[in-house]
Amino acid sequence: MKKNILLVEDDEFLHELYLDLLKSAGYAVTGAKDGATAYEKIKENTWDLVLLDVMLPGIDGFQILDKLDQDKVALKCPVIYLTNLDSTDTDLIKLGKAQDHWTKSDMSPPEFVEKVKKLL
């Protein structure tokens, strides 16, 4: 059975790139490009992995996890923040709410797929 991944990325180029890479690697991938859509998809489905961009239109990735906590929605899968933020102390604390964070600009496409494979 294919692993289900929710990819939340608002950058059109990266969204398509990551979708294609993950599908080519054999994963079932659903995409979302804004925070409100991502929040609903997280709540309504069961995922094996959520790849969550931090900077999103509407509610951001940090706010999504906070809102899920407030609404008592338990995530049963790893959540990985995708970011290009400079890691200030405040950002590091917020990034710590997810299982990990990956800096998009530091990853080549093969590295991205390899990181996903290691998690799943």
PDB file of N, CA and C in Angstrom:
ATOM      1  N   MET A   1       0.836  -1.197   0.000  1.00  0.00           N
ATOM      2  CA  MET A   1       0.000   0.000   0.000  1.00  0.00           C
ATOM      3  C   MET A   1       0.876   1.253   0.000  1.00  0.00           C
ATOM      4  N   LYS A   2       0.513   2.202  -0.844  1.00  0.00           N
ATOM      5  CA  LYS A   2       1.303   3.431  -0.928  1.00  0.00           C
ATOM      6  C   LYS A   2       1.153   4.265   0.334  1.00  0.00           C
ATOM      7  N   LYS A   3       2.232   4.903   0.720  1.00  0.00           N
ATOM      8  CA  LYS A   3       2.209   5.838   1.838  1.00  0.00           C
ATOM      9  C   LYS A   3       1.560   7.143   1.376  1.00  0.00           C
ATOM     10  N   ASN A   4       0.709   7.701   2.230  1.00  0.00           N
ATOM     11  CA  ASN A   4       0.011   8.948   1.916  1.00  0.00           C
ATOM     12  C   ASN A   4       0.749  10.141   2.492  1.00  0.00           C
ATOM     13  N   ILE A   5       1.088  11.077   1.624  1.00  0.00           N
ATOM     14  CA  ILE A   5       1.813  12.276   2.030  1.00  0.00           C
ATOM     15  C   ILE A   5       0.973  13.501   1.679  1.00  0.00           C
ATOM     16  N   LEU A   6       0.877  14.432   2.642  1.00  0.00           N
ATOM     17  CA  LEU A   6       0.283  15.728   2.366  1.00  0.00           C
ATOM     18  C   LEU A   6       1.425  16.712   2.178  1.00  0.00           C
ATOM     19  N   LEU A   7       1.474  17.326   1.009  1.00  0.00           N
ATOM     20  CA  LEU A   7       2.493  18.320   0.685  1.00  0.00           C
ATOM     21  C   LEU A   7       1.843  19.697   0.706  1.00  0.00           C
ATOM     22  N   VAL A   8       2.305  20.552   1.611  1.00  0.00           N
ATOM     23  CA  VAL A   8       1.770  21.906   1.726  1.00  0.00           C
ATOM     24  C   VAL A   8       2.878  22.876   1.337  1.00  0.00           C
ATOM     25  N   GLU A   9       2.746  23.449   0.152  1.00  0.00           N
ATOM     26  CA  GLU A   9       3.768  24.355  -0.391  1.00  0.00           C
ATOM     27  C   GLU A   9       3.082  25.336  -1.318  1.00  0.00           C
ATOM     28  N   ASP A  10       3.246  26.650  -1.061  1.00  0.00           N
ATOM     29  CA  ASP A  10       2.562  27.642  -1.888  1.00  0.00           C
ATOM     30  C   ASP A  10       3.374  28.084  -3.103  1.00  0.00           C
ATOM     31  N   ASP A  11       4.672  27.869  -3.094  1.00  0.00           N
ATOM     32  CA  ASP A  11       5.491  28.221  -4.255  1.00  0.00           C
ATOM     33  C   ASP A  11       5.176  27.239  -5.385  1.00  0.00           C
ATOM     34  N   GLU A  12       4.667  27.763  -6.501  1.00  0.00           N
ATOM     35  CA  GLU A  12       4.198  26.917  -7.602  1.00  0.00           C
ATOM     36  C   GLU A  12       5.292  25.980  -8.127  1.00  0.00           C
ATOM     37  N   PHE A  13       6.497  26.505  -8.331  1.00  0.00           N
ATOM     38  CA  PHE A  13       7.592  25.685  -8.851  1.00  0.00           C
ATOM     39  C   PHE A  13       7.937  24.552  -7.882  1.00  0.00           C
ATOM     40  N   LEU A  14       8.130  24.887  -6.612  1.00  0.00           N
ATOM     41  CA  LEU A  14       8.482  23.856  -5.627  1.00  0.00           C
ATOM     42  C   LEU A  14       7.339  22.868  -5.416  1.00  0.00           C
ATOM     43  N   HIS A  15       6.116  23.368  -5.427  1.00  0.00           N
ATOM     44  CA  HIS A  15       4.958  22.486  -5.264  1.00  0.00           C
ATOM     45  C   HIS A  15       4.963  21.396  -6.341  1.00  0.00           C
ATOM     46  N   GLU A  16       5.095  21.817  -7.588  1.00  0.00           N
ATOM     47  CA  GLU A  16       5.093  20.855  -8.695  1.00  0.00           C
ATOM     48  C   GLU A  16       6.315  19.937  -8.651  1.00  0.00           C
ATOM     49  N   LEU A  17       7.476  20.517  -8.335  1.00  0.00           N
ATOM     50  CA  LEU A  17       8.698  19.721  -8.245  1.00  0.00           C
ATOM     51  C   LEU A  17       8.566  18.629  -7.181  1.00  0.00           C
ATOM     52  N   TYR A  18       8.166  19.011  -5.972  1.00  0.00           N
ATOM     53  CA  TYR A  18       8.042  18.039  -4.879  1.00  0.00           C
ATOM     54  C   TYR A  18       6.958  17.002  -5.178  1.00  0.00           C
ATOM     55  N   LEU A  19       5.826  17.442  -5.746  1.00  0.00           N
ATOM     56  CA  LEU A  19       4.776  16.489  -6.127  1.00  0.00           C
ATOM     57  C   LEU A  19       5.311  15.452  -7.098  1.00  0.00           C
ATOM     58  N   ASP A  20       5.980  15.913  -8.147  1.00  0.00           N
ATOM     59  CA  ASP A  20       6.521  14.993  -9.157  1.00  0.00           C
ATOM     60  C   ASP A  20       7.551  14.042  -8.560  1.00  0.00           C
ATOM     61  N   LEU A  21       8.447  14.584  -7.728  1.00  0.00           N
ATOM     62  CA  LEU A  21       9.478  13.745  -7.110  1.00  0.00           C
ATOM     63  C   LEU A  21       8.860  12.653  -6.242  1.00  0.00           C
ATOM     64  N   LEU A  22       7.889  13.033  -5.427  1.00  0.00           N
ATOM     65  CA  LEU A  22       7.278  12.068  -4.513  1.00  0.00           C
ATOM     66  C   LEU A  22       6.443  11.033  -5.245  1.00  0.00           C
ATOM     67  N   LYS A  23       5.707  11.473  -6.250  1.00  0.00           N
ATOM     68  CA  LYS A  23       4.917  10.520  -7.033  1.00  0.00           C
ATOM     69  C   LYS A  23       5.824   9.553  -7.787  1.00  0.00           C
ATOM     70  N   SER A  24       6.926  10.066  -8.342  1.00  0.00           N
ATOM     71  CA  SER A  24       7.883   9.205  -9.048  1.00  0.00           C
ATOM     72  C   SER A  24       8.524   8.192  -8.117  1.00  0.00           C
ATOM     73  N   ALA A  25       8.634   8.543  -6.835  1.00  0.00           N
ATOM     74  CA  ALA A  25       9.207   7.628  -5.846  1.00  0.00           C
ATOM     75  C   ALA A  25       8.171   6.635  -5.320  1.00  0.00           C
ATOM     76  N   GLY A  26       6.929   6.726  -5.816  1.00  0.00           N
ATOM     77  CA  GLY A  26       5.917   5.734  -5.476  1.00  0.00           C
ATOM     78  C   GLY A  26       4.978   6.107  -4.346  1.00  0.00           C
ATOM     79  N   TYR A  27       4.941   7.361  -3.958  1.00  0.00           N
ATOM     80  CA  TYR A  27       4.051   7.790  -2.875  1.00  0.00           C
ATOM     81  C   TYR A  27       2.748   8.338  -3.434  1.00  0.00           C
ATOM     82  N   ALA A  28       1.682   8.216  -2.636  1.00  0.00           N
ATOM     83  CA  ALA A  28       0.412   8.872  -2.945  1.00  0.00           C
ATOM     84  C   ALA A  28       0.497  10.261  -2.326  1.00  0.00           C
ATOM     85  N   VAL A  29       0.402  11.293  -3.147  1.00  0.00           N
ATOM     86  CA  VAL A  29       0.636  12.656  -2.668  1.00  0.00           C
ATOM     87  C   VAL A  29      -0.573  13.533  -2.948  1.00  0.00           C
ATOM     88  N   THR A  30      -0.978  14.265  -1.921  1.00  0.00           N
ATOM     89  CA  THR A  30      -2.029  15.268  -2.054  1.00  0.00           C
ATOM     90  C   THR A  30      -1.389  16.615  -1.778  1.00  0.00           C
ATOM     91  N   GLY A  31      -1.722  17.606  -2.588  1.00  0.00           N
ATOM     92  CA  GLY A  31      -1.126  18.918  -2.420  1.00  0.00           C
ATOM     93  C   GLY A  31      -2.105  19.932  -1.865  1.00  0.00           C
ATOM     94  N   ALA A  32      -1.553  20.916  -1.158  1.00  0.00           N
ATOM     95  CA  ALA A  32      -2.307  22.085  -0.692  1.00  0.00           C
ATOM     96  C   ALA A  32      -1.382  23.282  -0.834  1.00  0.00           C
ATOM     97  N   LYS A  33      -1.966  24.446  -1.180  1.00  0.00           N
ATOM     98  CA  LYS A  33      -1.135  25.623  -1.426  1.00  0.00           C
ATOM     99  C   LYS A  33      -1.413  26.775  -0.470  1.00  0.00           C
ATOM    100  N   ASP A  34      -2.317  26.563   0.496  1.00  0.00           N
ATOM    101  CA  ASP A  34      -2.570  27.609   1.483  1.00  0.00           C
ATOM    102  C   ASP A  34      -2.889  26.964   2.832  1.00  0.00           C
ATOM    103  N   GLY A  35      -2.800  27.769   3.875  1.00  0.00           N
ATOM    104  CA  GLY A  35      -2.939  27.250   5.224  1.00  0.00           C
ATOM    105  C   GLY A  35      -4.314  26.697   5.547  1.00  0.00           C
ATOM    106  N   ALA A  36      -5.376  27.375   5.121  1.00  0.00           N
ATOM    107  CA  ALA A  36      -6.730  26.924   5.444  1.00  0.00           C
ATOM    108  C   ALA A  36      -7.022  25.564   4.810  1.00  0.00           C
ATOM    109  N   THR A  37      -6.642  25.395   3.553  1.00  0.00           N
ATOM    110  CA  THR A  37      -6.838  24.115   2.871  1.00  0.00           C
ATOM    111  C   THR A  37      -6.025  23.026   3.563  1.00  0.00           C
ATOM    112  N   ALA A  38      -4.781  23.338   3.901  1.00  0.00           N
ATOM    113  CA  ALA A  38      -3.917  22.358   4.569  1.00  0.00           C
ATOM    114  C   ALA A  38      -4.526  21.923   5.896  1.00  0.00           C
ATOM    115  N   TYR A  39      -5.003  22.885   6.676  1.00  0.00           N
ATOM    116  CA  TYR A  39      -5.600  22.569   7.978  1.00  0.00           C
ATOM    117  C   TYR A  39      -6.760  21.591   7.816  1.00  0.00           C
ATOM    118  N   GLU A  40      -7.651  21.862   6.861  1.00  0.00           N
ATOM    119  CA  GLU A  40      -8.803  20.979   6.649  1.00  0.00           C
ATOM    120  C   GLU A  40      -8.368  19.590   6.193  1.00  0.00           C
ATOM    121  N   LYS A  41      -7.395  19.533   5.291  1.00  0.00           N
ATOM    122  CA  LYS A  41      -6.916  18.233   4.806  1.00  0.00           C
ATOM    123  C   LYS A  41      -6.256  17.429   5.930  1.00  0.00           C
ATOM    124  N   ILE A  42      -5.521  18.102   6.806  1.00  0.00           N
ATOM    125  CA  ILE A  42      -4.885  17.411   7.928  1.00  0.00           C
ATOM    126  C   ILE A  42      -5.957  16.827   8.841  1.00  0.00           C
ATOM    127  N   LYS A  43      -6.988  17.615   9.131  1.00  0.00           N
ATOM    128  CA  LYS A  43      -8.062  17.171  10.026  1.00  0.00           C
ATOM    129  C   LYS A  43      -8.884  16.034   9.446  1.00  0.00           C
ATOM    130  N   GLU A  44      -9.129  16.059   8.141  1.00  0.00           N
ATOM    131  CA  GLU A  44     -10.096  15.153   7.526  1.00  0.00           C
ATOM    132  C   GLU A  44      -9.514  13.828   7.051  1.00  0.00           C
ATOM    133  N   ASN A  45      -8.207  13.699   7.023  1.00  0.00           N
ATOM    134  CA  ASN A  45      -7.597  12.501   6.441  1.00  0.00           C
ATOM    135  C   ASN A  45      -6.545  11.913   7.362  1.00  0.00           C
ATOM    136  N   THR A  46      -6.148  10.694   7.032  1.00  0.00           N
ATOM    137  CA  THR A  46      -5.055  10.031   7.735  1.00  0.00           C
ATOM    138  C   THR A  46      -3.830  10.090   6.840  1.00  0.00           C
ATOM    139  N   TRP A  47      -2.736  10.589   7.387  1.00  0.00           N
ATOM    140  CA  TRP A  47      -1.504  10.767   6.613  1.00  0.00           C
ATOM    141  C   TRP A  47      -0.381   9.950   7.222  1.00  0.00           C
ATOM    142  N   ASP A  48       0.568   9.559   6.380  1.00  0.00           N
ATOM    143  CA  ASP A  48       1.798   8.928   6.861  1.00  0.00           C
ATOM    144  C   ASP A  48       2.875   9.972   7.095  1.00  0.00           C
ATOM    145  N   LEU A  49       2.737  11.133   6.425  1.00  0.00           N
ATOM    146  CA  LEU A  49       3.701  12.217   6.551  1.00  0.00           C
ATOM    147  C   LEU A  49       3.042  13.511   6.088  1.00  0.00           C
ATOM    148  N   VAL A  50       3.312  14.602   6.825  1.00  0.00           N
ATOM    149  CA  VAL A  50       2.880  15.933   6.402  1.00  0.00           C
ATOM    150  C   VAL A  50       4.128  16.780   6.215  1.00  0.00           C
ATOM    151  N   LEU A  51       4.314  17.282   4.996  1.00  0.00           N
ATOM    152  CA  LEU A  51       5.400  18.209   4.673  1.00  0.00           C
ATOM    153  C   LEU A  51       4.773  19.595   4.615  1.00  0.00           C
ATOM    154  N   LEU A  52       5.108  20.444   5.578  1.00  0.00           N
ATOM    155  CA  LEU A  52       4.376  21.682   5.811  1.00  0.00           C
ATOM    156  C   LEU A  52       5.270  22.904   5.662  1.00  0.00           C
ATOM    157  N   ASP A  53       5.020  23.681   4.616  1.00  0.00           N
ATOM    158  CA  ASP A  53       5.726  24.947   4.439  1.00  0.00           C
ATOM    159  C   ASP A  53       5.385  25.859   5.613  1.00  0.00           C
ATOM    160  N   VAL A  54       6.329  26.656   6.045  1.00  0.00           N
ATOM    161  CA  VAL A  54       6.085  27.580   7.156  1.00  0.00           C
ATOM    162  C   VAL A  54       5.352  28.826   6.667  1.00  0.00           C
ATOM    163  N   MET A  55       5.853  29.452   5.614  1.00  0.00           N
ATOM    164  CA  MET A  55       5.267  30.697   5.115  1.00  0.00           C
ATOM    165  C   MET A  55       4.206  30.377   4.070  1.00  0.00           C
ATOM    166  N   LEU A  56       2.940  30.575   4.453  1.00  0.00           N
ATOM    167  CA  LEU A  56       1.809  30.253   3.586  1.00  0.00           C
ATOM    168  C   LEU A  56       0.821  31.414   3.555  1.00  0.00           C
ATOM    169  N   PRO A  57       0.032  31.516   2.478  1.00  0.00           N
ATOM    170  CA  PRO A  57      -1.042  32.506   2.486  1.00  0.00           C
ATOM    171  C   PRO A  57      -2.099  32.115   3.525  1.00  0.00           C
ATOM    172  N   GLY A  58      -2.698  33.117   4.149  1.00  0.00           N
ATOM    173  CA  GLY A  58      -3.698  32.824   5.179  1.00  0.00           C
ATOM    174  C   GLY A  58      -2.998  32.478   6.475  1.00  0.00           C
ATOM    175  N   ILE A  59      -3.301  31.320   7.007  1.00  0.00           N
ATOM    176  CA  ILE A  59      -2.617  30.902   8.235  1.00  0.00           C
ATOM    177  C   ILE A  59      -1.316  30.194   7.865  1.00  0.00           C
ATOM    178  N   ASP A  60      -0.257  30.465   8.626  1.00  0.00           N
ATOM    179  CA  ASP A  60       1.040  29.873   8.295  1.00  0.00           C
ATOM    180  C   ASP A  60       1.194  28.499   8.941  1.00  0.00           C
ATOM    181  N   GLY A  61       2.289  27.841   8.626  1.00  0.00           N
ATOM    182  CA  GLY A  61       2.537  26.502   9.145  1.00  0.00           C
ATOM    183  C   GLY A  61       2.580  26.437  10.659  1.00  0.00           C
ATOM    184  N   PHE A  62       3.180  27.446  11.297  1.00  0.00           N
ATOM    185  CA  PHE A  62       3.210  27.490  12.760  1.00  0.00           C
ATOM    186  C   PHE A  62       1.789  27.552  13.316  1.00  0.00           C
ATOM    187  N   GLN A  63       0.958  28.410  12.726  1.00  0.00           N
ATOM    188  CA  GLN A  63      -0.417  28.587  13.204  1.00  0.00           C
ATOM    189  C   GLN A  63      -1.248  27.321  12.982  1.00  0.00           C
ATOM    190  N   ILE A  64      -0.968  26.593  11.910  1.00  0.00           N
ATOM    191  CA  ILE A  64      -1.699  25.347  11.652  1.00  0.00           C
ATOM    192  C   ILE A  64      -1.479  24.369  12.801  1.00  0.00           C
ATOM    193  N   LEU A  65      -0.227  24.160  13.196  1.00  0.00           N
ATOM    194  CA  LEU A  65       0.023  23.217  14.289  1.00  0.00           C
ATOM    195  C   LEU A  65      -0.560  23.726  15.599  1.00  0.00           C
ATOM    196  N   ASP A  66      -0.484  25.029  15.850  1.00  0.00           N
ATOM    197  CA  ASP A  66      -1.099  25.591  17.058  1.00  0.00           C
ATOM    198  C   ASP A  66      -2.603  25.358  17.058  1.00  0.00           C
ATOM    199  N   LYS A  67      -3.238  25.592  15.919  1.00  0.00           N
ATOM    200  CA  LYS A  67      -4.689  25.419  15.806  1.00  0.00           C
ATOM    201  C   LYS A  67      -5.078  23.955  15.983  1.00  0.00           C
ATOM    202  N   LEU A  68      -4.300  23.043  15.438  1.00  0.00           N
ATOM    203  CA  LEU A  68      -4.574  21.613  15.628  1.00  0.00           C
ATOM    204  C   LEU A  68      -4.488  21.250  17.106  1.00  0.00           C
ATOM    205  N   ASP A  69      -3.487  21.798  17.808  1.00  0.00           N
ATOM    206  CA  ASP A  69      -3.368  21.573  19.259  1.00  0.00           C
ATOM    207  C   ASP A  69      -4.600  22.106  19.990  1.00  0.00           C
ATOM    208  N   GLN A  70      -4.986  23.323  19.669  1.00  0.00           N
ATOM    209  CA  GLN A  70      -6.145  23.949  20.324  1.00  0.00           C
ATOM    210  C   GLN A  70      -7.429  23.164  20.078  1.00  0.00           C
ATOM    211  N   ASP A  71      -7.555  22.608  18.884  1.00  0.00           N
ATOM    212  CA  ASP A  71      -8.747  21.850  18.521  1.00  0.00           C
ATOM    213  C   ASP A  71      -8.648  20.376  18.925  1.00  0.00           C
ATOM    214  N   LYS A  72      -7.588  20.046  19.629  1.00  0.00           N
ATOM    215  CA  LYS A  72      -7.370  18.674  20.137  1.00  0.00           C
ATOM    216  C   LYS A  72      -7.339  17.634  19.006  1.00  0.00           C
ATOM    217  N   VAL A  73      -6.756  18.042  17.874  1.00  0.00           N
ATOM    218  CA  VAL A  73      -6.575  17.114  16.754  1.00  0.00           C
ATOM    219  C   VAL A  73      -5.210  16.461  16.926  1.00  0.00           C
ATOM    220  N   ALA A  74      -5.224  15.162  17.156  1.00  0.00           N
ATOM    221  CA  ALA A  74      -3.967  14.437  17.370  1.00  0.00           C
ATOM    222  C   ALA A  74      -3.414  13.964  16.031  1.00  0.00           C
ATOM    223  N   LEU A  75      -2.189  14.364  15.746  1.00  0.00           N
ATOM    224  CA  LEU A  75      -1.535  13.899  14.527  1.00  0.00           C
ATOM    225  C   LEU A  75      -0.797  12.603  14.828  1.00  0.00           C
ATOM    226  N   LYS A  76      -1.037  11.612  14.000  1.00  0.00           N
ATOM    227  CA  LYS A  76      -0.409  10.308  14.209  1.00  0.00           C
ATOM    228  C   LYS A  76       0.709  10.057  13.208  1.00  0.00           C
ATOM    229  N   CYS A  77       1.248  11.149  12.665  1.00  0.00           N
ATOM    230  CA  CYS A  77       2.307  11.019  11.671  1.00  0.00           C
ATOM    231  C   CYS A  77       3.335  12.114  11.902  1.00  0.00           C
ATOM    232  N   PRO A  78       4.524  11.940  11.348  1.00  0.00           N
ATOM    233  CA  PRO A  78       5.513  13.017  11.438  1.00  0.00           C
ATOM    234  C   PRO A  78       5.072  14.245  10.642  1.00  0.00           C
ATOM    235  N   VAL A  79       5.396  15.407  11.187  1.00  0.00           N
ATOM    236  CA  VAL A  79       5.199  16.678  10.485  1.00  0.00           C
ATOM    237  C   VAL A  79       6.577  17.289  10.316  1.00  0.00           C
ATOM    238  N   ILE A  80       6.926  17.598   9.076  1.00  0.00           N
ATOM    239  CA  ILE A  80       8.211  18.213   8.776  1.00  0.00           C
ATOM    240  C   ILE A  80       7.947  19.606   8.215  1.00  0.00           C
ATOM    241  N   TYR A  81       8.524  20.610   8.867  1.00  0.00           N
ATOM    242  CA  TYR A  81       8.419  21.961   8.328  1.00  0.00           C
ATOM    243  C   TYR A  81       9.395  22.111   7.166  1.00  0.00           C
ATOM    244  N   LEU A  82       8.909  22.725   6.085  1.00  0.00           N
ATOM    245  CA  LEU A  82       9.749  23.113   4.958  1.00  0.00           C
ATOM    246  C   LEU A  82       9.910  24.621   5.058  1.00  0.00           C
ATOM    247  N   THR A  83      11.147  25.090   5.107  1.00  0.00           N
ATOM    248  CA  THR A  83      11.345  26.511   5.360  1.00  0.00           C
ATOM    249  C   THR A  83      12.591  27.057   4.684  1.00  0.00           C
ATOM    250  N   ASN A  84      12.607  28.340   4.509  1.00  0.00           N
ATOM    251  CA  ASN A  84      13.819  29.063   4.151  1.00  0.00           C
ATOM    252  C   ASN A  84      14.068  30.165   5.171  1.00  0.00           C
ATOM    253  N   LEU A  85      13.390  30.080   6.314  1.00  0.00           N
ATOM    254  CA  LEU A  85      13.556  31.079   7.369  1.00  0.00           C
ATOM    255  C   LEU A  85      14.962  31.050   7.928  1.00  0.00           C
ATOM    256  N   ASP A  86      15.465  32.219   8.275  1.00  0.00           N
ATOM    257  CA  ASP A  86      16.668  32.256   9.091  1.00  0.00           C
ATOM    258  C   ASP A  86      16.237  31.812  10.478  1.00  0.00           C
ATOM    259  N   SER A  87      17.022  30.990  11.092  1.00  0.00           N
ATOM    260  CA  SER A  87      16.609  30.405  12.361  1.00  0.00           C
ATOM    261  C   SER A  87      16.954  31.305  13.539  1.00  0.00           C
ATOM    262  N   THR A  88      16.060  32.243  13.813  1.00  0.00           N
ATOM    263  CA  THR A  88      16.190  33.031  15.029  1.00  0.00           C
ATOM    264  C   THR A  88      15.772  32.152  16.197  1.00  0.00           C
ATOM    265  N   ASP A  89      16.043  32.605  17.404  1.00  0.00           N
ATOM    266  CA  ASP A  89      15.655  31.814  18.576  1.00  0.00           C
ATOM    267  C   ASP A  89      14.154  31.541  18.594  1.00  0.00           C
ATOM    268  N   THR A  90      13.355  32.555  18.267  1.00  0.00           N
ATOM    269  CA  THR A  90      11.905  32.386  18.247  1.00  0.00           C
ATOM    270  C   THR A  90      11.494  31.359  17.204  1.00  0.00           C
ATOM    271  N   ASP A  91      12.087  31.452  16.020  1.00  0.00           N
ATOM    272  CA  ASP A  91      11.769  30.485  14.970  1.00  0.00           C
ATOM    273  C   ASP A  91      12.156  29.073  15.393  1.00  0.00           C
ATOM    274  N   LEU A  92      13.304  28.920  16.028  1.00  0.00           N
ATOM    275  CA  LEU A  92      13.742  27.588  16.450  1.00  0.00           C
ATOM    276  C   LEU A  92      12.770  26.974  17.444  1.00  0.00           C
ATOM    277  N   ILE A  93      12.233  27.790  18.338  1.00  0.00           N
ATOM    278  CA  ILE A  93      11.242  27.281  19.290  1.00  0.00           C
ATOM    279  C   ILE A  93       9.995  26.823  18.538  1.00  0.00           C
ATOM    280  N   LYS A  94       9.534  27.633  17.607  1.00  0.00           N
ATOM    281  CA  LYS A  94       8.352  27.280  16.816  1.00  0.00           C
ATOM    282  C   LYS A  94       8.627  26.060  15.945  1.00  0.00           C
ATOM    283  N   LEU A  95       9.801  26.002  15.348  1.00  0.00           N
ATOM    284  CA  LEU A  95      10.157  24.858  14.498  1.00  0.00           C
ATOM    285  C   LEU A  95      10.206  23.568  15.305  1.00  0.00           C
ATOM    286  N   GLY A  96      10.477  23.675  16.591  1.00  0.00           N
ATOM    287  CA  GLY A  96      10.553  22.507  17.461  1.00  0.00           C
ATOM    288  C   GLY A  96       9.230  21.796  17.660  1.00  0.00           C
ATOM    289  N   LYS A  97       8.106  22.424  17.281  1.00  0.00           N
ATOM    290  CA  LYS A  97       6.803  21.765  17.413  1.00  0.00           C
ATOM    291  C   LYS A  97       6.634  20.630  16.407  1.00  0.00           C
ATOM    292  N   ALA A  98       7.374  20.677  15.326  1.00  0.00           N
ATOM    293  CA  ALA A  98       7.322  19.603  14.333  1.00  0.00           C
ATOM    294  C   ALA A  98       8.436  18.601  14.652  1.00  0.00           C
ATOM    295  N   GLN A  99       8.392  17.455  13.990  1.00  0.00           N
ATOM    296  CA  GLN A  99       9.422  16.439  14.214  1.00  0.00           C
ATOM    297  C   GLN A  99      10.786  16.899  13.719  1.00  0.00           C
ATOM    298  N   ASP A 100      10.777  17.735  12.682  1.00  0.00           N
ATOM    299  CA  ASP A 100      12.032  18.217  12.112  1.00  0.00           C
ATOM    300  C   ASP A 100      11.692  19.404  11.211  1.00  0.00           C
ATOM    301  N   HIS A 101      12.727  20.090  10.750  1.00  0.00           N
ATOM    302  CA  HIS A 101      12.537  21.111   9.720  1.00  0.00           C
ATOM    303  C   HIS A 101      13.668  20.980   8.714  1.00  0.00           C
ATOM    304  N   TRP A 102      13.287  21.151   7.459  1.00  0.00           N
ATOM    305  CA  TRP A 102      14.243  21.052   6.362  1.00  0.00           C
ATOM    306  C   TRP A 102      14.300  22.399   5.670  1.00  0.00           C
ATOM    307  N   THR A 103      15.507  22.854   5.397  1.00  0.00           N
ATOM    308  CA  THR A 103      15.691  24.116   4.690  1.00  0.00           C
ATOM    309  C   THR A 103      15.657  23.821   3.194  1.00  0.00           C
ATOM    310  N   LYS A 104      14.661  24.375   2.534  1.00  0.00           N
ATOM    311  CA  LYS A 104      14.433  24.063   1.113  1.00  0.00           C
ATOM    312  C   LYS A 104      15.639  24.391   0.248  1.00  0.00           C
ATOM    313  N   SER A 105      16.277  25.522   0.520  1.00  0.00           N
ATOM    314  CA  SER A 105      17.396  25.940  -0.330  1.00  0.00           C
ATOM    315  C   SER A 105      18.637  25.063  -0.146  1.00  0.00           C
ATOM    316  N   ASP A 106      18.667  24.253   0.906  1.00  0.00           N
ATOM    317  CA  ASP A 106      19.824  23.385   1.171  1.00  0.00           C
ATOM    318  C   ASP A 106      19.668  21.982   0.603  1.00  0.00           C
ATOM    319  N   MET A 107      18.529  21.674  -0.007  1.00  0.00           N
ATOM    320  CA  MET A 107      18.267  20.303  -0.459  1.00  0.00           C
ATOM    321  C   MET A 107      18.216  20.206  -1.969  1.00  0.00           C
ATOM    322  N   SER A 108      18.938  19.254  -2.509  1.00  0.00           N
ATOM    323  CA  SER A 108      18.779  18.931  -3.922  1.00  0.00           C
ATOM    324  C   SER A 108      17.568  17.997  -4.029  1.00  0.00           C
ATOM    325  N   PRO A 109      16.984  17.850  -5.228  1.00  0.00           N
ATOM    326  CA  PRO A 109      15.855  16.923  -5.370  1.00  0.00           C
ATOM    327  C   PRO A 109      16.159  15.498  -4.881  1.00  0.00           C
ATOM    328  N   PRO A 110      17.312  14.910  -5.208  1.00  0.00           N
ATOM    329  CA  PRO A 110      17.571  13.563  -4.677  1.00  0.00           C
ATOM    330  C   PRO A 110      17.660  13.537  -3.140  1.00  0.00           C
ATOM    331  N   GLU A 111      18.216  14.582  -2.549  1.00  0.00           N
ATOM    332  CA  GLU A 111      18.296  14.645  -1.083  1.00  0.00           C
ATOM    333  C   GLU A 111      16.896  14.713  -0.468  1.00  0.00           C
ATOM    334  N   PHE A 112      16.021  15.479  -1.094  1.00  0.00           N
ATOM    335  CA  PHE A 112      14.646  15.598  -0.621  1.00  0.00           C
ATOM    336  C   PHE A 112      13.974  14.222  -0.581  1.00  0.00           C
ATOM    337  N   VAL A 113      14.051  13.492  -1.681  1.00  0.00           N
ATOM    338  CA  VAL A 113      13.428  12.172  -1.764  1.00  0.00           C
ATOM    339  C   VAL A 113      14.062  11.228  -0.748  1.00  0.00           C
ATOM    340  N   GLU A 114      15.373  11.282  -0.600  1.00  0.00           N
ATOM    341  CA  GLU A 114      16.060  10.411   0.356  1.00  0.00           C
ATOM    342  C   GLU A 114      15.608  10.689   1.789  1.00  0.00           C
ATOM    343  N   LYS A 115      15.420  11.950   2.143  1.00  0.00           N
ATOM    344  CA  LYS A 115      14.945  12.308   3.485  1.00  0.00           C
ATOM    345  C   LYS A 115      13.551  11.738   3.730  1.00  0.00           C
ATOM    346  N   VAL A 116      12.690  11.830   2.727  1.00  0.00           N
ATOM    347  CA  VAL A 116      11.343  11.282   2.860  1.00  0.00           C
ATOM    348  C   VAL A 116      11.414   9.763   3.038  1.00  0.00           C
ATOM    349  N   LYS A 117      12.217   9.094   2.236  1.00  0.00           N
ATOM    350  CA  LYS A 117      12.348   7.635   2.330  1.00  0.00           C
ATOM    351  C   LYS A 117      12.813   7.203   3.719  1.00  0.00           C
ATOM    352  N   LYS A 118      13.745   7.971   4.300  1.00  0.00           N
ATOM    353  CA  LYS A 118      14.241   7.620   5.639  1.00  0.00           C
ATOM    354  C   LYS A 118      13.136   7.722   6.692  1.00  0.00           C
ATOM    355  N   LEU A 119      12.228   8.658   6.510  1.00  0.00           N
ATOM    356  CA  LEU A 119      11.127   8.820   7.467  1.00  0.00           C
ATOM    357  C   LEU A 119      10.073   7.732   7.335  1.00  0.00           C
ATOM    358  N   LEU A 120       9.860   7.278   6.111  1.00  0.00           N
ATOM    359  CA  LEU A 120       8.780   6.321   5.879  1.00  0.00           C
ATOM    360  C   LEU A 120       9.318   4.921   5.692  1.00  0.00           C
TER     361      LEU A 120
END
